[in-house]
C-alpha atoms as a PDB file:
ATOM      1  CA  MET A   1      50.495  26.403 -26.915  1.00  0.00           C
ATOM      2  CA  LYS A   2      50.594  27.890 -23.436  1.00  0.00           C
ATOM      3  CA  GLY A   3      48.072  30.548 -24.480  1.00  0.00           C
ATOM      4  CA  GLN A   4      45.748  27.851 -25.841  1.00  0.00           C
ATOM      5  CA  THR A   5      45.979  25.923 -22.551  1.00  0.00           C
ATOM      6  CA  VAL A   6      45.091  29.011 -20.524  1.00  0.00           C
ATOM      7  CA  GLY A   7      42.210  29.763 -22.889  1.00  0.00           C
ATOM      8  CA  ILE A   8      40.834  26.238 -22.530  1.00  0.00           C
ATOM      9  CA  ALA A   9      41.108  26.408 -18.739  1.00  0.00           C
ATOM     10  CA  VAL A  10      39.227  29.709 -18.649  1.00  0.00           C
ATOM     11  CA  THR A  11      36.540  28.305 -20.914  1.00  0.00           C
ATOM     12  CA  VAL A  12      36.114  25.257 -18.666  1.00  0.00           C
ATOM     13  CA  LEU A  13      35.790  27.471 -15.597  1.00  0.00           C
ATOM     14  CA  VAL A  14      33.198  29.625 -17.320  1.00  0.00           C
ATOM     15  CA  VAL A  15      31.162  26.537 -18.295  1.00  0.00           C
ATOM     16  CA  ILE A  16      31.335  25.192 -14.737  1.00  0.00           C
ATOM     17  CA  ALA A  17      30.199  28.546 -13.388  1.00  0.00           C
ATOM     18  CA  LEU A  18      27.264  28.618 -15.800  1.00  0.00           C
ATOM     19  CA  VAL A  19      26.251  25.062 -14.912  1.00  0.00           C
ATOM     20  CA  TRP A  20      26.348  25.910 -11.212  1.00  0.00           C
ATOM     21  CA  ALA A  21      24.379  29.082 -11.769  1.00  0.00           C
ATOM     22  CA  PHE A  22      21.588  27.218 -13.533  1.00  0.00           C
ATOM     23  CA  SER A  23      21.567  24.047 -11.470  1.00  0.00           C
ATOM     24  CA  GLY A  24      21.844  25.714  -8.068  1.00  0.00           C
ATOM     25  CA  PRO A  25      22.908  24.116  -4.775  1.00  0.00           C
ATOM     26  CA  ALA A  26      21.509  20.829  -3.489  1.00  0.00           C
ATOM     27  CA  HIS A  27      19.017  22.661  -1.290  1.00  0.00           C
ATOM     28  CA  SER A  28      17.667  25.075  -3.883  1.00  0.00           C
ATOM     29  CA  PRO A  29      14.239  26.622  -3.287  1.00  0.00           C
ATOM     30  CA  SER A  30      11.247  24.955  -4.924  1.00  0.00           C
ATOM     31  CA  PRO A  31      10.070  26.536  -8.187  1.00  0.00           C
ATOM     32  CA  PRO A  32       6.929  28.654  -7.713  1.00  0.00           C
ATOM     33  CA  GLY A  33       3.868  26.404  -7.675  1.00  0.00           C
ATOM     34  CA  ALA A  34       5.846  23.153  -7.346  1.00  0.00           C
ATOM     35  CA  PHE A  35       4.801  20.796  -4.561  1.00  0.00           C
ATOM     36  CA  SER A  36       7.698  19.808  -2.295  1.00  0.00           C
ATOM     37  CA  ALA A  37       8.305  17.531   0.665  1.00  0.00           C
ATOM     38  CA  ALA A  38      11.211  16.861   3.020  1.00  0.00           C
ATOM     39  CA  LEU A  39      12.106  14.207   5.575  1.00  0.00           C
ATOM     40  CA  ILE A  40      14.340  14.374   8.653  1.00  0.00           C
ATOM     41  CA  THR A  41      15.179  11.023  10.265  1.00  0.00           C
ATOM     42  CA  PRO A  42      16.942  10.136  13.532  1.00  0.00           C
ATOM     43  CA  GLY A  43      18.885   7.323  11.844  1.00  0.00           C
ATOM     44  CA  ASP A  44      20.293   6.211   8.532  1.00  0.00           C
ATOM     45  CA  VAL A  45      17.734   5.577   5.789  1.00  0.00           C
ATOM     46  CA  THR A  46      19.248   2.154   5.119  1.00  0.00           C
ATOM     47  CA  ASP A  47      18.352   0.760   8.566  1.00  0.00           C
ATOM     48  CA  GLY A  48      15.848  -1.721   7.131  1.00  0.00           C
ATOM     49  CA  GLY A  49      13.109  -0.420   9.403  1.00  0.00           C
ATOM     50  CA  TRP A  50      11.955   2.877  10.897  1.00  0.00           C
ATOM     51  CA  SER A  51      14.030   5.391   8.929  1.00  0.00           C
ATOM     52  CA  GLN A  52      14.200   3.394   5.707  1.00  0.00           C
ATOM     53  CA  SER A  53      10.409   3.019   5.619  1.00  0.00           C
ATOM     54  CA  ALA A  54      10.087   6.784   5.989  1.00  0.00           C
ATOM     55  CA  TYR A  55      12.495   7.344   3.108  1.00  0.00           C
ATOM     56  CA  THR A  56      10.517   4.909   0.972  1.00  0.00           C
ATOM     57  CA  GLY A  57       7.456   6.998   1.749  1.00  0.00           C
ATOM     58  CA  LEU A  58       9.267  10.164   0.691  1.00  0.00           C
ATOM     59  CA  LYS A  59      10.221   8.564  -2.625  1.00  0.00           C
ATOM     60  CA  GLN A  60       6.604   7.519  -3.171  1.00  0.00           C
ATOM     61  CA  ILE A  61       5.557  11.131  -2.638  1.00  0.00           C
ATOM     62  CA  GLU A  62       8.086  12.097  -5.280  1.00  0.00           C
ATOM     63  CA  LYS A  63       6.757   9.485  -7.714  1.00  0.00           C
ATOM     64  CA  GLU A  64       3.012   9.647  -7.077  1.00  0.00           C
ATOM     65  CA  LEU A  65       2.597  13.371  -6.395  1.00  0.00           C
ATOM     66  CA  GLY A  66       5.353  14.690  -8.648  1.00  0.00           C
ATOM     67  CA  ALA A  67       6.953  16.365  -5.655  1.00  0.00           C
ATOM     68  CA  ARG A  68      10.437  17.731  -5.279  1.00  0.00           C
ATOM     69  CA  VAL A  69      11.900  15.902  -2.271  1.00  0.00           C
ATOM     70  CA  GLN A  70      14.859  16.254   0.089  1.00  0.00           C
ATOM     71  CA  ASN A  71      15.994  14.400   3.203  1.00  0.00           C
ATOM     72  CA  ALA A  72      18.451  14.757   6.047  1.00  0.00           C
ATOM     73  CA  THR A  73      19.616  12.675   8.985  1.00  0.00           C
ATOM     74  CA  ALA A  74      19.854  14.418  12.343  1.00  0.00           C
ATOM     75  CA  GLN A  75      23.331  14.212  13.834  1.00  0.00           C
ATOM     76  CA  ALA A  76      24.275  13.307  17.398  1.00  0.00           C
ATOM     77  CA  SER A  77      22.830  16.592  18.642  1.00  0.00           C
ATOM     78  CA  GLY A  78      19.388  15.260  17.720  1.00  0.00           C
ATOM     79  CA  LEU A  79      16.837  18.022  18.155  1.00  0.00           C
ATOM     80  CA  SER A  80      19.143  20.943  17.338  1.00  0.00           C
ATOM     81  CA  SER A  81      20.322  19.206  14.156  1.00  0.00           C
ATOM     82  CA  ALA A  82      16.732  18.399  13.170  1.00  0.00           C
ATOM     83  CA  LEU A  83      15.699  22.016  13.732  1.00  0.00           C
ATOM     84  CA  ASP A  84      18.601  23.247  11.619  1.00  0.00           C
ATOM     85  CA  SER A  85      17.446  21.069   8.721  1.00  0.00           C
ATOM     86  CA  LEU A  86      13.833  22.108   9.257  1.00  0.00           C
ATOM     87  CA  ARG A  87      14.819  25.777   9.221  1.00  0.00           C
ATOM     88  CA  THR A  88      16.537  25.243   5.864  1.00  0.00           C
ATOM     89  CA  TYR A  89      13.587  23.428   4.317  1.00  0.00           C
ATOM     90  CA  LEU A  90      11.035  25.949   5.541  1.00  0.00           C
ATOM     91  CA  GLY A  91      13.192  28.801   4.302  1.00  0.00           C
ATOM     92  CA  GLU A  92      13.069  27.223   0.850  1.00  0.00           C
ATOM     93  CA  GLY A  93       9.288  27.124   0.858  1.00  0.00           C
ATOM     94  CA  THR A  94       8.878  23.354   1.335  1.00  0.00           C
ATOM     95  CA  ASN A  95       5.194  22.423   1.578  1.00  0.00           C
ATOM     96  CA  VAL A  96       5.396  19.336   3.811  1.00  0.00           C
ATOM     97  CA  VAL A  97       8.133  18.308   6.264  1.00  0.00           C
ATOM     98  CA  PHE A  98       8.161  14.994   8.145  1.00  0.00           C
ATOM     99  CA  LEU A  99      10.179  14.912  11.385  1.00  0.00           C
ATOM    100  CA  HIS A 100      10.467  11.195  12.022  1.00  0.00           C
ATOM    101  CA  ALA A 101      10.966  11.164  15.806  1.00  0.00           C
ATOM    102  CA  GLY A 102       8.274  11.831  18.384  1.00  0.00           C
ATOM    103  CA  GLU A 103      10.683  13.358  20.877  1.00  0.00           C
ATOM    104  CA  TRP A 104      11.355  16.277  18.505  1.00  0.00           C
ATOM    105  CA  TRP A 105       7.971  17.857  19.234  1.00  0.00           C
ATOM    106  CA  ARG A 106       9.124  20.716  21.422  1.00  0.00           C
ATOM    107  CA  PRO A 107       8.094  24.368  21.889  1.00  0.00           C
ATOM    108  CA  GLN A 108      10.978  25.559  19.699  1.00  0.00           C
ATOM    109  CA  LEU A 109       9.671  23.356  16.864  1.00  0.00           C
ATOM    110  CA  VAL A 110       6.181  24.858  17.136  1.00  0.00           C
ATOM    111  CA  GLU A 111       7.664  28.364  17.279  1.00  0.00           C
ATOM    112  CA  LEU A 112       9.778  27.788  14.156  1.00  0.00           C
ATOM    113  CA  ALA A 113       6.884  26.211  12.262  1.00  0.00           C
ATOM    114  CA  GLY A 114       4.631  29.136  13.180  1.00  0.00           C
ATOM    115  CA  LYS A 115       6.896  31.471  11.226  1.00  0.00           C
ATOM    116  CA  HIS A 116       6.045  29.512   8.071  1.00  0.00           C
ATOM    117  CA  PRO A 117       2.259  29.035   8.280  1.00  0.00           C
ATOM    118  CA  LYS A 118       1.906  27.842   4.679  1.00  0.00           C
ATOM    119  CA  ALA A 119       3.947  24.707   5.441  1.00  0.00           C
ATOM    120  CA  GLN A 120       2.569  21.600   7.151  1.00  0.00           C
ATOM    121  CA  ILE A 121       4.810  19.849   9.671  1.00  0.00           C
ATOM    122  CA  PHE A 122       4.240  16.236  10.729  1.00  0.00           C
ATOM    123  CA  VAL A 123       5.946  14.613  13.712  1.00  0.00           C
ATOM    124  CA  SER A 124       6.032  10.804  13.611  1.00  0.00           C
ATOM    125  CA  GLY A 125       5.398   8.769  16.728  1.00  0.00           C
ATOM    126  CA  ASN A 126       3.404  11.416  18.547  1.00  0.00           C
ATOM    127  CA  ASP A 127      -0.284  11.795  19.361  1.00  0.00           C
ATOM    128  CA  LYS A 128      -0.316  15.321  20.775  1.00  0.00           C
ATOM    129  CA  ASP A 129      -3.157  17.547  19.728  1.00  0.00           C
ATOM    130  CA  ALA A 130      -2.088  19.613  16.734  1.00  0.00           C
ATOM    131  CA  GLU A 131      -0.493  22.976  17.466  1.00  0.00           C
ATOM    132  CA  GLY A 132      -0.855  25.450  14.619  1.00  0.00           C
ATOM    133  CA  ASN A 133       0.660  23.825  11.536  1.00  0.00           C
ATOM    134  CA  VAL A 134       2.325  21.001  13.518  1.00  0.00           C
ATOM    135  CA  ALA A 135       0.449  17.679  13.691  1.00  0.00           C
ATOM    136  CA  GLY A 136       1.371  14.209  14.880  1.00  0.00           C
ATOM    137  CA  LEU A 137       1.344  10.869  13.109  1.00  0.00           C
ATOM    138  CA  ARG A 138       0.571   8.196  15.707  1.00  0.00           C
ATOM    139  CA  PHE A 139       1.492   4.773  14.376  1.00  0.00           C
ATOM    140  CA  VAL A 140      -0.196   2.123  16.525  1.00  0.00           C
ATOM    141  CA  LEU A 141       2.403  -0.598  16.048  1.00  0.00           C
ATOM    142  CA  GLU A 142       1.209  -1.928  19.396  1.00  0.00           C
ATOM    143  CA  ASP A 143      -1.686  -3.647  17.587  1.00  0.00           C
ATOM    144  CA  ALA A 144       0.765  -5.993  15.862  1.00  0.00           C
ATOM    145  CA  CYS A 145       3.168  -6.179  18.824  1.00  0.00           C
ATOM    146  CA  TYR A 146       0.408  -7.578  21.021  1.00  0.00           C
ATOM    147  CA  VAL A 147      -0.189 -10.379  18.503  1.00  0.00           C
ATOM    148  CA  LEU A 148       3.530 -11.169  18.330  1.00  0.00           C
ATOM    149  CA  GLY A 149       3.665 -11.284  22.109  1.00  0.00           C
ATOM    150  CA  TYR A 150       0.699 -13.646  22.162  1.00  0.00           C
ATOM    151  CA  LEU A 151       2.436 -15.873  19.601  1.00  0.00           C
ATOM    152  CA  ALA A 152       5.651 -15.801  21.646  1.00  0.00           C
ATOM    153  CA  GLY A 153       3.741 -16.730  24.799  1.00  0.00           C
ATOM    154  CA  LYS A 154       2.242 -19.726  23.031  1.00  0.00           C
ATOM    155  CA  LEU A 155       5.570 -20.932  21.586  1.00  0.00           C
ATOM    156  CA  THR A 156       8.121 -20.271  24.329  1.00  0.00           C
ATOM    157  CA  LYS A 157       9.570 -23.346  26.001  1.00  0.00           C
ATOM    158  CA  SER A 158      11.577 -21.545  28.658  1.00  0.00           C
ATOM    159  CA  GLY A 159       8.900 -18.990  29.563  1.00  0.00           C
ATOM    160  CA  VAL A 160      11.503 -16.238  29.136  1.00  0.00           C
ATOM    161  CA  LEU A 161      11.064 -13.672  26.351  1.00  0.00           C
ATOM    162  CA  GLY A 162      13.212 -10.676  25.444  1.00  0.00           C
ATOM    163  CA  CYS A 163      12.818  -7.143  24.073  1.00  0.00           C
ATOM    164  CA  VAL A 164      15.723  -5.055  22.774  1.00  0.00           C
ATOM    165  CA  GLY A 165      15.371  -1.290  22.409  1.00  0.00           C
ATOM    166  CA  PRO A 166      17.667   1.687  21.781  1.00  0.00           C
ATOM    167  CA  LYS A 167      16.542   4.289  24.315  1.00  0.00           C
ATOM    168  CA  LYS A 168      13.658   4.648  26.756  1.00  0.00           C
ATOM    169  CA  HIS A 169      11.151   6.648  24.755  1.00  0.00           C
ATOM    170  CA  PRO A 170       7.407   6.245  25.396  1.00  0.00           C
ATOM    171  CA  VAL A 171       6.716   5.218  21.803  1.00  0.00           C
ATOM    172  CA  ILE A 172       9.144   2.283  22.116  1.00  0.00           C
ATOM    173  CA  GLU A 173       8.225   1.392  25.695  1.00  0.00           C
ATOM    174  CA  SER A 174       4.611   1.210  24.586  1.00  0.00           C
ATOM    175  CA  THR A 175       5.391  -1.424  21.934  1.00  0.00           C
ATOM    176  CA  PHE A 176       7.239  -3.531  24.514  1.00  0.00           C
ATOM    177  CA  GLU A 177       4.360  -3.223  26.963  1.00  0.00           C
ATOM    178  CA  ALA A 178       1.950  -4.400  24.271  1.00  0.00           C
ATOM    179  CA  PHE A 179       4.229  -7.337  23.439  1.00  0.00           C
ATOM    180  CA  ALA A 180       4.406  -8.276  27.131  1.00  0.00           C
ATOM    181  CA  ALA A 181       0.633  -7.969  27.550  1.00  0.00           C
ATOM    182  CA  GLY A 182       0.071 -10.290  24.601  1.00  0.00           C
ATOM    183  CA  ALA A 183       2.589 -12.783  25.955  1.00  0.00           C
ATOM    184  CA  LYS A 184       0.910 -12.851  29.378  1.00  0.00           C
ATOM    185  CA  GLU A 185      -2.499 -13.326  27.764  1.00  0.00           C
ATOM    186  CA  ALA A 186      -1.160 -16.522  26.200  1.00  0.00           C
ATOM    187  CA  ARG A 187       0.993 -17.535  29.166  1.00  0.00           C
ATOM    188  CA  PRO A 188       0.351 -15.699  32.449  1.00  0.00           C
ATOM    189  CA  ASP A 189       3.726 -16.686  33.923  1.00  0.00           C
ATOM    190  CA  ALA A 190       5.725 -15.378  30.933  1.00  0.00           C
ATOM    191  CA  ASP A 191       8.844 -13.494  32.019  1.00  0.00           C
ATOM    192  CA  VAL A 192       9.423 -10.620  29.560  1.00  0.00           C
ATOM    193  CA  ARG A 193      12.822  -8.984  29.985  1.00  0.00           C
ATOM    194  CA  ILE A 194      13.696  -5.641  28.400  1.00  0.00           C
ATOM    195  CA  VAL A 195      17.219  -4.407  27.651  1.00  0.00           C
ATOM    196  CA  TRP A 196      18.427  -1.085  26.229  1.00  0.00           C
ATOM    197  CA  THR A 197      21.457  -0.300  24.089  1.00  0.00           C
ATOM    198  CA  ASP A 198      21.379   3.501  24.668  1.00  0.00           C
ATOM    199  CA  SER A 199      21.962   3.954  20.930  1.00  0.00           C
ATOM    200  CA  TRP A 200      19.887   4.016  17.752  1.00  0.00           C
ATOM    201  CA  ASP A 201      22.684   2.613  15.621  1.00  0.00           C
ATOM    202  CA  ASP A 202      25.008   0.427  17.708  1.00  0.00           C
ATOM    203  CA  VAL A 203      24.762  -3.004  16.083  1.00  0.00           C
ATOM    204  CA  ALA A 204      27.487  -4.495  18.296  1.00  0.00           C
ATOM    205  CA  LYS A 205      25.779  -3.359  21.502  1.00  0.00           C
ATOM    206  CA  ALA A 206      22.424  -4.714  20.323  1.00  0.00           C
ATOM    207  CA  LYS A 207      24.047  -8.049  19.590  1.00  0.00           C
ATOM    208  CA  GLU A 208      25.752  -8.077  22.987  1.00  0.00           C
ATOM    209  CA  GLN A 209      22.501  -7.344  24.798  1.00  0.00           C
ATOM    210  CA  THR A 210      20.646  -9.979  22.791  1.00  0.00           C
ATOM    211  CA  LEU A 211      23.284 -12.587  23.594  1.00  0.00           C
ATOM    212  CA  ALA A 212      22.836 -11.695  27.255  1.00  0.00           C
ATOM    213  CA  LEU A 213      19.101 -12.338  26.973  1.00  0.00           C
ATOM    214  CA  ILE A 214      19.743 -15.661  25.260  1.00  0.00           C
ATOM    215  CA  GLY A 215      22.130 -16.496  28.110  1.00  0.00           C
ATOM    216  CA  GLN A 216      19.163 -15.947  30.450  1.00  0.00           C
ATOM    217  CA  ASN A 217      17.176 -18.555  28.469  1.00  0.00           C
ATOM    218  CA  ALA A 218      15.122 -16.122  26.383  1.00  0.00           C
ATOM    219  CA  ASP A 219      14.029 -18.107  23.336  1.00  0.00           C
ATOM    220  CA  LEU A 220      11.924 -15.537  21.434  1.00  0.00           C
ATOM    221  CA  ILE A 221      13.166 -11.976  21.082  1.00  0.00           C
ATOM    222  CA  PHE A 222      11.383  -8.873  19.829  1.00  0.00           C
ATOM    223  CA  HIS A 223      13.209  -5.668  18.918  1.00  0.00           C
ATOM    224  CA  ASN A 224      12.358  -2.050  18.226  1.00  0.00           C
ATOM    225  CA  ALA A 225      15.962  -1.030  17.745  1.00  0.00           C
ATOM    226  CA  ASN A 226      16.375   0.821  14.419  1.00  0.00           C
ATOM    227  CA  ASN A 227      19.839   0.061  12.970  1.00  0.00           C
ATOM    228  CA  GLY A 228      20.598  -2.099  16.003  1.00  0.00           C
ATOM    229  CA  ALA A 229      18.124  -4.679  14.688  1.00  0.00           C
ATOM    230  CA  ARG A 230      20.870  -6.342  12.682  1.00  0.00           C
ATOM    231  CA  GLY A 231      22.780  -7.081  15.876  1.00  0.00           C
ATOM    232  CA  VAL A 232      19.665  -8.672  17.364  1.00  0.00           C
ATOM    233  CA  PHE A 233      19.165 -10.864  14.323  1.00  0.00           C
ATOM    234  CA  GLU A 234      22.835 -11.861  14.148  1.00  0.00           C
ATOM    235  CA  ALA A 235      22.785 -13.005  17.782  1.00  0.00           C
ATOM    236  CA  VAL A 236      19.605 -15.015  17.283  1.00  0.00           C
ATOM    237  CA  GLN A 237      20.929 -16.485  14.028  1.00  0.00           C
ATOM    238  CA  GLU A 238      23.906 -17.871  15.921  1.00  0.00           C
ATOM    239  CA  HIS A 239      21.545 -19.710  18.294  1.00  0.00           C
ATOM    240  CA  LYS A 240      18.758 -20.760  15.933  1.00  0.00           C
ATOM    241  CA  ASP A 241      19.814 -24.399  16.256  1.00  0.00           C
ATOM    242  CA  LYS A 242      18.846 -24.113  19.926  1.00  0.00           C
ATOM    243  CA  GLY A 243      15.350 -23.003  18.973  1.00  0.00           C
ATOM    244  CA  VAL A 244      15.850 -19.260  19.475  1.00  0.00           C
ATOM    245  CA  LEU A 245      13.791 -17.059  17.142  1.00  0.00           C
ATOM    246  CA  ALA A 246      13.296 -13.340  16.563  1.00  0.00           C
ATOM    247  CA  PHE A 247      10.544 -10.953  15.522  1.00  0.00           C
ATOM    248  CA  GLY A 248      10.926  -7.987  13.157  1.00  0.00           C
ATOM    249  CA  SER A 249       9.379  -4.559  13.666  1.00  0.00           C
ATOM    250  CA  ASN A 250       8.305  -1.438  11.776  1.00  0.00           C
ATOM    251  CA  ASP A 251       8.686  -3.167   8.407  1.00  0.00           C
ATOM    252  CA  ASP A 252       8.412  -6.703   7.050  1.00  0.00           C
ATOM    253  CA  GLN A 253      11.926  -7.797   7.976  1.00  0.00           C
ATOM    254  CA  ASN A 254      11.353 -11.533   7.457  1.00  0.00           C
ATOM    255  CA  ALA A 255      13.531 -11.706   4.357  1.00  0.00           C
ATOM    256  CA  LEU A 256      16.534 -10.170   6.140  1.00  0.00           C
ATOM    257  CA  PHE A 257      17.097 -13.360   8.160  1.00  0.00           C
ATOM    258  CA  PRO A 258      14.558 -15.844   6.765  1.00  0.00           C
ATOM    259  CA  GLU A 259      15.725 -18.705   8.996  1.00  0.00           C
ATOM    260  CA  THR A 260      15.566 -16.552  12.123  1.00  0.00           C
ATOM    261  CA  ILE A 261      12.657 -14.102  11.969  1.00  0.00           C
ATOM    262  CA  LEU A 262       9.356 -15.835  12.703  1.00  0.00           C
ATOM    263  CA  ALA A 263       7.116 -12.837  11.949  1.00  0.00           C
ATOM    264  CA  SER A 264       7.194  -9.045  11.816  1.00  0.00           C
ATOM    265  CA  ALA A 265       5.050  -6.250  13.209  1.00  0.00           C
ATOM    266  CA  VAL A 266       4.597  -4.171  10.066  1.00  0.00           C
ATOM    267  CA  LEU A 267       3.797  -0.493   9.853  1.00  0.00           C
ATOM    268  CA  ASP A 268       3.014   0.981   6.435  1.00  0.00           C
ATOM    269  CA  ILE A 269       4.839   4.259   6.919  1.00  0.00           C
ATOM    270  CA  PRO A 270       5.138   4.856   3.152  1.00  0.00           C
ATOM    271  CA  LYS A 271       1.354   4.771   2.723  1.00  0.00           C
ATOM    272  CA  THR A 272       0.762   7.062   5.712  1.00  0.00           C
ATOM    273  CA  PHE A 273       3.229   9.617   4.360  1.00  0.00           C
ATOM    274  CA  LEU A 274       1.767   9.456   0.856  1.00  0.00           C
ATOM    275  CA  ASP A 275      -1.817   9.739   2.086  1.00  0.00           C
ATOM    276  CA  VAL A 276      -1.304  12.785   4.304  1.00  0.00           C
ATOM    277  CA  ALA A 277       0.932  14.498   1.739  1.00  0.00           C
ATOM    278  CA  ALA A 278      -1.763  13.987  -0.897  1.00  0.00           C
ATOM    279  CA  GLN A 279      -4.293  15.603   1.441  1.00  0.00           C
ATOM    280  CA  VAL A 280      -2.011  18.596   1.970  1.00  0.00           C
ATOM    281  CA  LYS A 281      -1.452  18.963  -1.762  1.00  0.00           C
ATOM    282  CA  ALA A 282      -5.205  18.781  -2.423  1.00  0.00           C
ATOM    283  CA  GLY A 283      -5.949  21.263   0.347  1.00  0.00           C
ATOM    284  CA  SER A 284      -8.126  18.724   2.182  1.00  0.00           C
ATOM    285  CA  PHE A 285      -5.938  18.033   5.233  1.00  0.00           C
ATOM    286  CA  ASP A 286      -7.922  18.886   8.372  1.00  0.00           C
ATOM    287  CA  GLY A 287      -4.902  19.917  10.443  1.00  0.00           C
ATOM    288  CA  LYS A 288      -5.437  17.266  13.104  1.00  0.00           C
ATOM    289  CA  THR A 289      -3.088  14.622  14.487  1.00  0.00           C
ATOM    290  CA  GLN A 290      -3.621  11.344  12.623  1.00  0.00           C
ATOM    291  CA  ILE A 291      -3.951   7.811  14.053  1.00  0.00           C
ATOM    292  CA  PHE A 292      -2.816   4.797  12.001  1.00  0.00           C
ATOM    293  CA  GLY A 293      -3.321   1.286  13.351  1.00  0.00           C
ATOM    294  CA  LEU A 294      -4.499  -2.180  12.394  1.00  0.00           C
ATOM    295  CA  PRO A 295      -8.206  -1.207  12.148  1.00  0.00           C
ATOM    296  CA  GLU A 296      -7.291   1.608   9.755  1.00  0.00           C
ATOM    297  CA  GLY A 297      -5.301  -0.773   7.555  1.00  0.00           C
ATOM    298  CA  TYR A 298      -1.830   0.668   8.182  1.00  0.00           C
ATOM    299  CA  VAL A 299      -0.505  -1.991  10.609  1.00  0.00           C
ATOM    300  CA  TRP A 300      -0.449  -5.770  10.272  1.00  0.00           C
ATOM    301  CA  VAL A 301       1.407  -8.957  11.196  1.00  0.00           C
ATOM    302  CA  ALA A 302       3.533 -10.557   8.474  1.00  0.00           C
ATOM    303  CA  PHE A 303       4.192 -14.227   9.173  1.00  0.00           C
ATOM    304  CA  ASN A 304       7.336 -15.688   7.618  1.00  0.00           C
ATOM    305  CA  PRO A 305       6.107 -18.441   5.238  1.00  0.00           C
ATOM    306  CA  LYS A 306       9.483 -20.178   5.434  1.00  0.00           C
ATOM    307  CA  LEU A 307       8.961 -20.787   9.154  1.00  0.00           C
ATOM    308  CA  ASP A 308       5.263 -21.692   9.079  1.00  0.00           C
ATOM    309  CA  ALA A 309       6.072 -25.196  10.257  1.00  0.00           C
ATOM    310  CA  LYS A 310       7.238 -23.779  13.589  1.00  0.00           C
ATOM    311  CA  ILE A 311       3.745 -22.482  14.388  1.00  0.00           C
ATOM    312  CA  PRO A 312       1.123 -25.148  15.248  1.00  0.00           C
ATOM    313  CA  ALA A 313      -2.086 -24.782  13.220  1.00  0.00           C
ATOM    314  CA  GLU A 314      -4.233 -24.066  16.273  1.00  0.00           C
ATOM    315  CA  THR A 315      -1.811 -21.337  17.428  1.00  0.00           C
ATOM    316  CA  LYS A 316      -1.849 -19.703  13.989  1.00  0.00           C
ATOM    317  CA  GLN A 317      -5.654 -19.792  14.025  1.00  0.00           C
ATOM    318  CA  ALA A 318      -5.720 -18.195  17.481  1.00  0.00           C
ATOM    319  CA  CYS A 319      -3.439 -15.406  16.233  1.00  0.00           C
ATOM    320  CA  GLU A 320      -5.640 -14.829  13.186  1.00  0.00           C
ATOM    321  CA  ALA A 321      -8.726 -14.677  15.411  1.00  0.00           C
ATOM    322  CA  LEU A 322      -6.979 -12.118  17.644  1.00  0.00           C
ATOM    323  CA  ILE A 323      -6.051 -10.025  14.606  1.00  0.00           C
ATOM    324  CA  ALA A 324      -9.696 -10.084  13.489  1.00  0.00           C
ATOM    325  CA  LYS A 325     -10.834  -8.879  16.938  1.00  0.00           C
ATOM    326  CA  ILE A 326      -8.391  -5.981  16.876  1.00  0.00           C
ATOM    327  CA  LYS A 327      -9.293  -5.079  13.307  1.00  0.00           C
ATOM    328  CA  SER A 328     -13.025  -4.989  14.108  1.00  0.00           C
ATOM    329  CA  ARG A 329     -12.326  -2.962  17.267  1.00  0.00           C
ATOM    330  CA  ALA A 330     -13.862  -5.712  19.396  1.00  0.00           C
ATOM    331  CA  PHE A 331     -10.599  -5.594  21.340  1.00  0.00           C
ATOM    332  CA  GLU A 332      -8.379  -2.541  21.838  1.00  0.00           C
ATOM    333  CA  VAL A 333      -4.705  -3.126  22.526  1.00  0.00           C
ATOM    334  CA  PRO A 334      -3.469  -1.054  25.484  1.00  0.00           C
ATOM    335  CA  ARG A 335      -0.991   1.673  24.584  1.00  0.00           C
ATOM    336  CA  LYS A 336       0.733   4.676  26.093  1.00  0.00           C
ATOM    337  CA  SER A 337      -0.306   8.205  25.321  1.00  0.00           C
ATOM    338  CA  LEU A 338       2.573  10.021  23.632  1.00  0.00           C
ATOM    339  CA  LYS A 339       1.358  13.555  24.431  1.00  0.00           C
END
């Protein structure tokens, strides 16, 4: 009996070893000729916004292009963690890698990418001129942020508006500046106050900062806060009976808090990822940094139908007319350069 037990145990170990040998580790190299893509995000891919939209795009690449895909989240070390993941993916022969944070475009990234010239690297939230096989993806969310600011300026009763962000990066500051510009177009005396949580993921801090804005009479609040968005929405939800409302960003977040979020500035990150990956796979990508805004069809404003009654008809029409002007390029929303 003891001999049989030992024999069974050995057999099980042999089977496990064979399975491992044929299946390989989680980060196994792509089979020759197989198209592959990878994503590195600064936050969790369940954040309901920036990182989750990128992950959705990666999964669409997997589905539509038949690609082998992998993803990683950069740890607290940020750039060094992202570069470690990039080094792994490039070493495996990955064709396309998306680094989903504009601040990661650094000389060491370009140097590492240059050692793997057959791969194409994209850096989200950056409009630098392409360097070798590194190109930017500039998402002009400002186009929609300006419209939300205009709407807020028309609706505010207190004249005080709020913006909640994680850290002072140009790509986020630019969206707040666009929101403020839109608000002042609608109401020149609008007071737009910006607060920072110093974290991409701190929901509690985002809620605390939002409550502080509400305490200063802010009655419409826009965020660009990644995971912290939930804290913003929770704070506004607690004061919705006082007429306080919020705006979503990066994705259509209206359904997350349908009684709280008036509209969202939407960026179709999944479509941008799929489109550029398809170009790389087809060999038609021109190697240049790409621009994606409202005129190009990648950015729009999603109004929450459940809160339509809160927007007067003439205000909604004014917003729609403004959207049409931006779309036709009759009006260009001001934005920061991210070079």
